[in-house]
Protein backbone atom coordinates (compact mmCIF):
# COMPACT_ATOMS: atom_id res chain seq x y z
CA MET A 1 116.21 -35.19 41.70
CA ARG A 2 119.78 -36.12 42.79
CA GLU A 3 122.68 -38.14 41.25
CA ALA A 4 125.41 -39.96 43.20
CA GLU A 5 128.58 -41.05 41.63
CA VAL A 6 130.03 -43.95 43.49
CA SER A 7 133.01 -46.26 42.83
CA VAL A 8 133.03 -50.07 43.74
CA THR A 9 136.42 -51.64 43.93
CA ASP A 10 137.16 -55.53 43.20
CA THR A 11 137.13 -56.24 47.04
CA GLU A 12 133.76 -54.88 47.47
CA PHE A 13 132.59 -57.07 44.48
CA GLU A 14 134.10 -59.87 46.07
CA ALA A 15 132.23 -59.06 49.30
CA MET A 16 129.01 -59.01 47.21
CA GLY A 17 129.49 -62.56 45.81
CA VAL A 18 130.14 -61.50 42.19
CA GLY A 19 133.83 -61.13 42.08
CA GLU A 20 134.05 -64.33 40.02
CA LEU A 21 131.69 -63.14 37.30
CA LEU A 22 133.61 -59.74 36.87
CA SER A 23 136.96 -61.60 36.65
CA LEU A 24 135.59 -64.02 33.80
CA THR A 25 134.52 -61.20 31.92
CA ARG A 26 137.43 -59.29 32.18
CA GLU A 27 139.43 -62.53 30.95
CA ALA A 28 137.49 -62.35 27.97
CA GLY A 29 138.27 -58.81 27.26
CA LEU A 30 135.70 -56.78 28.62
CA ARG A 31 134.44 -53.73 26.52
CA THR A 32 131.28 -52.44 27.61
CA VAL A 33 128.58 -53.04 30.45
CA ASP A 34 125.12 -51.71 30.02
CA GLU A 35 122.51 -52.35 32.85
CA LEU A 36 119.21 -53.17 31.52
CA ALA A 37 117.19 -53.84 34.70
CA CYS A 38 118.17 -53.66 38.46
CA ARG A 39 116.41 -55.44 41.04
CA GLY A 40 118.33 -54.45 44.23
CA THR A 41 120.39 -57.48 44.94
CA GLY A 42 120.98 -58.20 41.26
CA ALA A 43 120.76 -56.93 37.72
CA VAL A 44 120.41 -57.83 34.10
CA LEU A 45 123.47 -56.71 32.16
CA GLN A 46 124.24 -56.39 28.45
CA VAL A 47 127.99 -57.35 28.37
CA GLU A 48 130.30 -56.62 25.25
CA VAL A 49 133.64 -58.84 25.30
CA GLU A 50 136.51 -59.21 22.82
CA THR A 51 136.24 -63.12 22.89
CA ARG A 52 133.68 -65.76 23.87
CA ILE A 53 133.26 -66.07 27.43
CA GLU A 54 134.14 -69.50 28.86
CA GLU A 55 130.59 -70.29 29.09
CA GLU A 56 130.96 -73.67 31.18
CA ARG A 57 132.47 -71.47 33.92
CA LEU A 58 129.84 -68.92 33.54
CA THR A 59 127.28 -71.41 33.90
CA GLY A 60 128.98 -72.63 37.07
CA ILE A 61 129.10 -69.29 38.78
CA GLU A 62 126.78 -69.17 41.89
CA CYS A 63 125.41 -65.86 41.24
CA VAL A 64 124.78 -66.08 37.72
CA ASP A 65 120.90 -66.75 37.17
CA ARG A 66 120.71 -67.01 33.38
CA TRP A 67 122.80 -65.90 30.63
CA ASN A 68 122.74 -65.83 26.69
CA HIS A 69 125.07 -65.43 23.94
CA VAL A 70 123.28 -62.81 21.98
CA THR A 71 125.41 -62.28 18.87
CA GLU A 72 128.80 -62.54 17.40
CA ARG A 73 130.17 -59.19 15.77
CA ASP A 74 133.20 -58.76 13.55
CA ASP A 75 135.53 -58.11 16.63
CA SER A 76 133.23 -58.79 19.82
CA HIS A 77 130.57 -60.74 21.44
CA LEU A 78 127.53 -59.61 23.19
CA TYR A 79 125.94 -61.45 26.02
CA LEU A 80 122.86 -61.10 28.23
CA VAL A 81 123.60 -61.87 32.03
CA SER A 82 121.06 -61.96 34.68
CA PHE A 83 122.69 -62.35 38.31
CA THR A 84 121.75 -62.06 41.96
CA ALA A 85 124.29 -61.08 44.54
CA PRO A 86 124.35 -63.98 47.08
CA GLU A 87 125.94 -61.77 49.82
CA LEU A 88 123.35 -59.05 49.91
CA PRO A 89 120.30 -58.89 51.84
CA GLU A 90 117.00 -59.11 50.17
CA ASN A 91 115.73 -56.00 51.96
CA LEU A 92 118.13 -53.92 49.57
CA GLU A 93 115.36 -54.33 47.06
CA GLU A 94 113.01 -52.08 49.16
CA THR A 95 115.40 -48.81 49.02
CA THR A 96 116.22 -49.65 45.27
CA ASP A 97 112.43 -49.54 44.51
CA ASP A 98 112.79 -45.85 45.52
CA LEU A 99 115.57 -44.87 43.07
CA ILE A 100 114.84 -43.89 39.45
CA GLY A 101 117.50 -46.21 38.43
CA THR A 102 121.49 -46.48 37.88
CA CYS A 103 123.04 -44.92 35.07
CA ASP A 104 126.20 -45.59 32.95
CA PRO A 105 128.15 -48.38 34.69
CA ASP A 106 131.73 -47.99 33.74
CA VAL A 107 133.95 -50.79 34.68
CA ASP A 108 137.77 -50.64 34.41
CA ASP A 109 140.64 -53.37 35.39
CA ARG A 110 140.27 -52.46 39.21
CA SER A 111 136.88 -51.14 39.81
CA ALA A 112 133.51 -49.85 38.68
CA THR A 113 131.87 -46.65 38.69
CA MET A 114 127.94 -45.88 38.54
CA SER A 115 125.32 -43.31 39.32
CA LEU A 116 122.53 -43.57 41.64
CA VAL A 117 119.53 -41.47 40.64
CA GLY A 118 116.51 -40.49 42.90
CA PRO A 119 115.53 -38.50 45.87
CA HIS A 120 118.31 -37.82 48.24
CA ASP A 121 116.82 -39.85 50.94
CA ALA A 122 116.55 -42.87 48.74
CA ILE A 123 120.23 -42.60 47.67
CA SER A 124 121.36 -42.34 51.38
CA GLY A 125 119.14 -45.09 52.30
CA GLN A 126 120.70 -47.14 49.55
CA LEU A 127 124.09 -46.37 50.59
CA GLN A 128 123.40 -47.23 54.31
CA GLU A 129 122.05 -50.53 53.46
CA TYR A 130 125.24 -51.44 51.51
CA GLU A 131 127.08 -50.39 54.49
CA LYS A 132 125.11 -52.54 56.85
CA ALA A 133 125.63 -55.52 54.37
CA GLY A 134 129.55 -55.04 54.77
CA VAL A 135 130.03 -53.27 51.35
CA SER A 136 131.46 -49.62 51.20
CA LEU A 137 130.71 -47.86 48.11
CA SER A 138 132.87 -44.84 47.80
CA LEU A 139 130.93 -41.72 47.16
CA GLN A 140 132.66 -39.71 44.65
CA ARG A 141 130.14 -36.92 43.80
CA ILE A 142 126.65 -35.88 44.76
CA GLY A 143 124.54 -33.37 43.12
CA ARG A 144 121.64 -32.33 41.01
CA TYR A 145 120.76 -34.68 38.30
CA ASP A 146 121.46 -33.16 34.90
CA GLY A 147 120.23 -36.09 32.69
CA PRO A 148 117.31 -36.28 30.40
CA ASP A 149 114.30 -34.55 32.00
CA TYR A 150 111.18 -36.71 31.32
CA PRO A 151 108.04 -36.46 33.50
CA LEU A 152 108.46 -40.39 34.38
CA ASP A 153 111.87 -39.60 35.61
CA ASP A 154 110.13 -38.30 38.71
CA LEU A 155 108.69 -41.85 39.53
CA THR A 156 110.64 -44.81 41.31
CA ALA A 157 110.98 -47.86 39.34
CA ARG A 158 108.25 -49.52 41.27
CA GLN A 159 106.03 -46.51 40.84
CA ARG A 160 106.62 -46.70 37.04
CA GLU A 161 105.87 -50.42 36.82
CA VAL A 162 102.44 -50.17 38.64
CA LEU A 163 101.56 -47.23 36.63
CA GLU A 164 102.52 -48.80 33.13
CA THR A 165 100.69 -52.16 34.14
CA ALA A 166 97.57 -50.31 35.08
CA TRP A 167 97.70 -48.29 31.96
CA GLU A 168 98.05 -51.36 29.90
CA MET A 169 95.16 -53.26 31.74
CA GLY A 170 92.86 -50.40 31.11
CA TYR A 171 92.57 -48.92 34.47
CA TYR A 172 92.49 -45.43 33.03
CA GLU A 173 90.04 -46.11 30.61
CA VAL A 174 86.74 -44.25 30.86
CA PRO A 175 84.82 -46.15 32.35
CA LYS A 176 87.73 -48.39 33.97
CA ASP A 177 88.35 -51.78 32.30
CA VAL A 178 90.04 -53.01 35.35
CA SER A 179 89.78 -52.39 39.07
CA ALA A 180 92.94 -51.74 41.38
CA GLU A 181 92.38 -55.01 42.81
CA GLU A 182 92.79 -56.51 39.45
CA VAL A 183 96.01 -54.74 38.79
CA ALA A 184 97.14 -55.72 42.04
CA SER A 185 96.24 -59.65 41.37
CA GLU A 186 98.17 -59.28 37.80
CA MET A 187 101.28 -58.01 39.57
CA GLY A 188 101.02 -60.46 42.81
CA LEU A 189 100.77 -57.24 45.00
CA ASP A 190 98.42 -56.40 47.94
CA PRO A 191 95.67 -53.87 46.63
CA SER A 192 96.68 -51.34 49.10
CA THR A 193 100.28 -51.34 47.88
CA VAL A 194 98.93 -50.74 44.28
CA ASN A 195 96.69 -47.94 45.30
CA GLU A 196 99.68 -46.28 47.30
CA HIS A 197 101.93 -46.48 44.32
CA LEU A 198 99.19 -45.20 41.80
CA GLN A 199 98.51 -42.13 44.11
CA ARG A 200 102.29 -41.43 44.64
CA ALA A 201 102.73 -41.63 40.84
CA GLU A 202 99.88 -39.56 40.00
CA ARG A 203 100.71 -37.04 42.74
CA ASN A 204 104.32 -36.66 41.40
CA LEU A 205 103.13 -36.40 37.65
CA LEU A 206 100.60 -33.87 38.49
CA GLY A 207 103.13 -31.89 40.46
CA ARG A 208 105.37 -31.89 37.53
CA LEU A 209 102.65 -30.82 35.14
CA LEU A 210 100.46 -28.17 37.18
């Protein structure tokens, strides 16, 4: 497993179509950003700011899908913001599926730094797709991933999603409660796609354990 640390300038955020969102959170005194979910062209973020964001402006930003003011603390406010970058191609989601995820986004007043974690080919493919979209991520470092070492870390986000859905539906009960076709129907996927993800996930897990 590899980890690449990349930086993104404000110019690149503008190129993605999310510059206004970043600017608005900074105006509110941005403290921390935690990525809760990533879907290639967008993400769900937990954002902590010093004062309430101008919520009417937040609603009007093109890239913002949904937002929620979660809580007010003694000296800060917590928001959940779901966004989709309008200038990024949809096929970026395909390479994102091969990544374990992104880690610890760190945003300052001029740029942001984050880590891409996954197989080397997946990281390389992700960077190439950004380049094709006209967004140049600056590679700061790439090396072995030294984060928490769990068996599920060897799975891509999509493999884990399919595996967890199959488990919850009873696919691994003896005898099976559901078939791969039923799991596929639940997820809105082709049965062959589900079978492929399950086989790859099982191979990766067994490779770790055996």
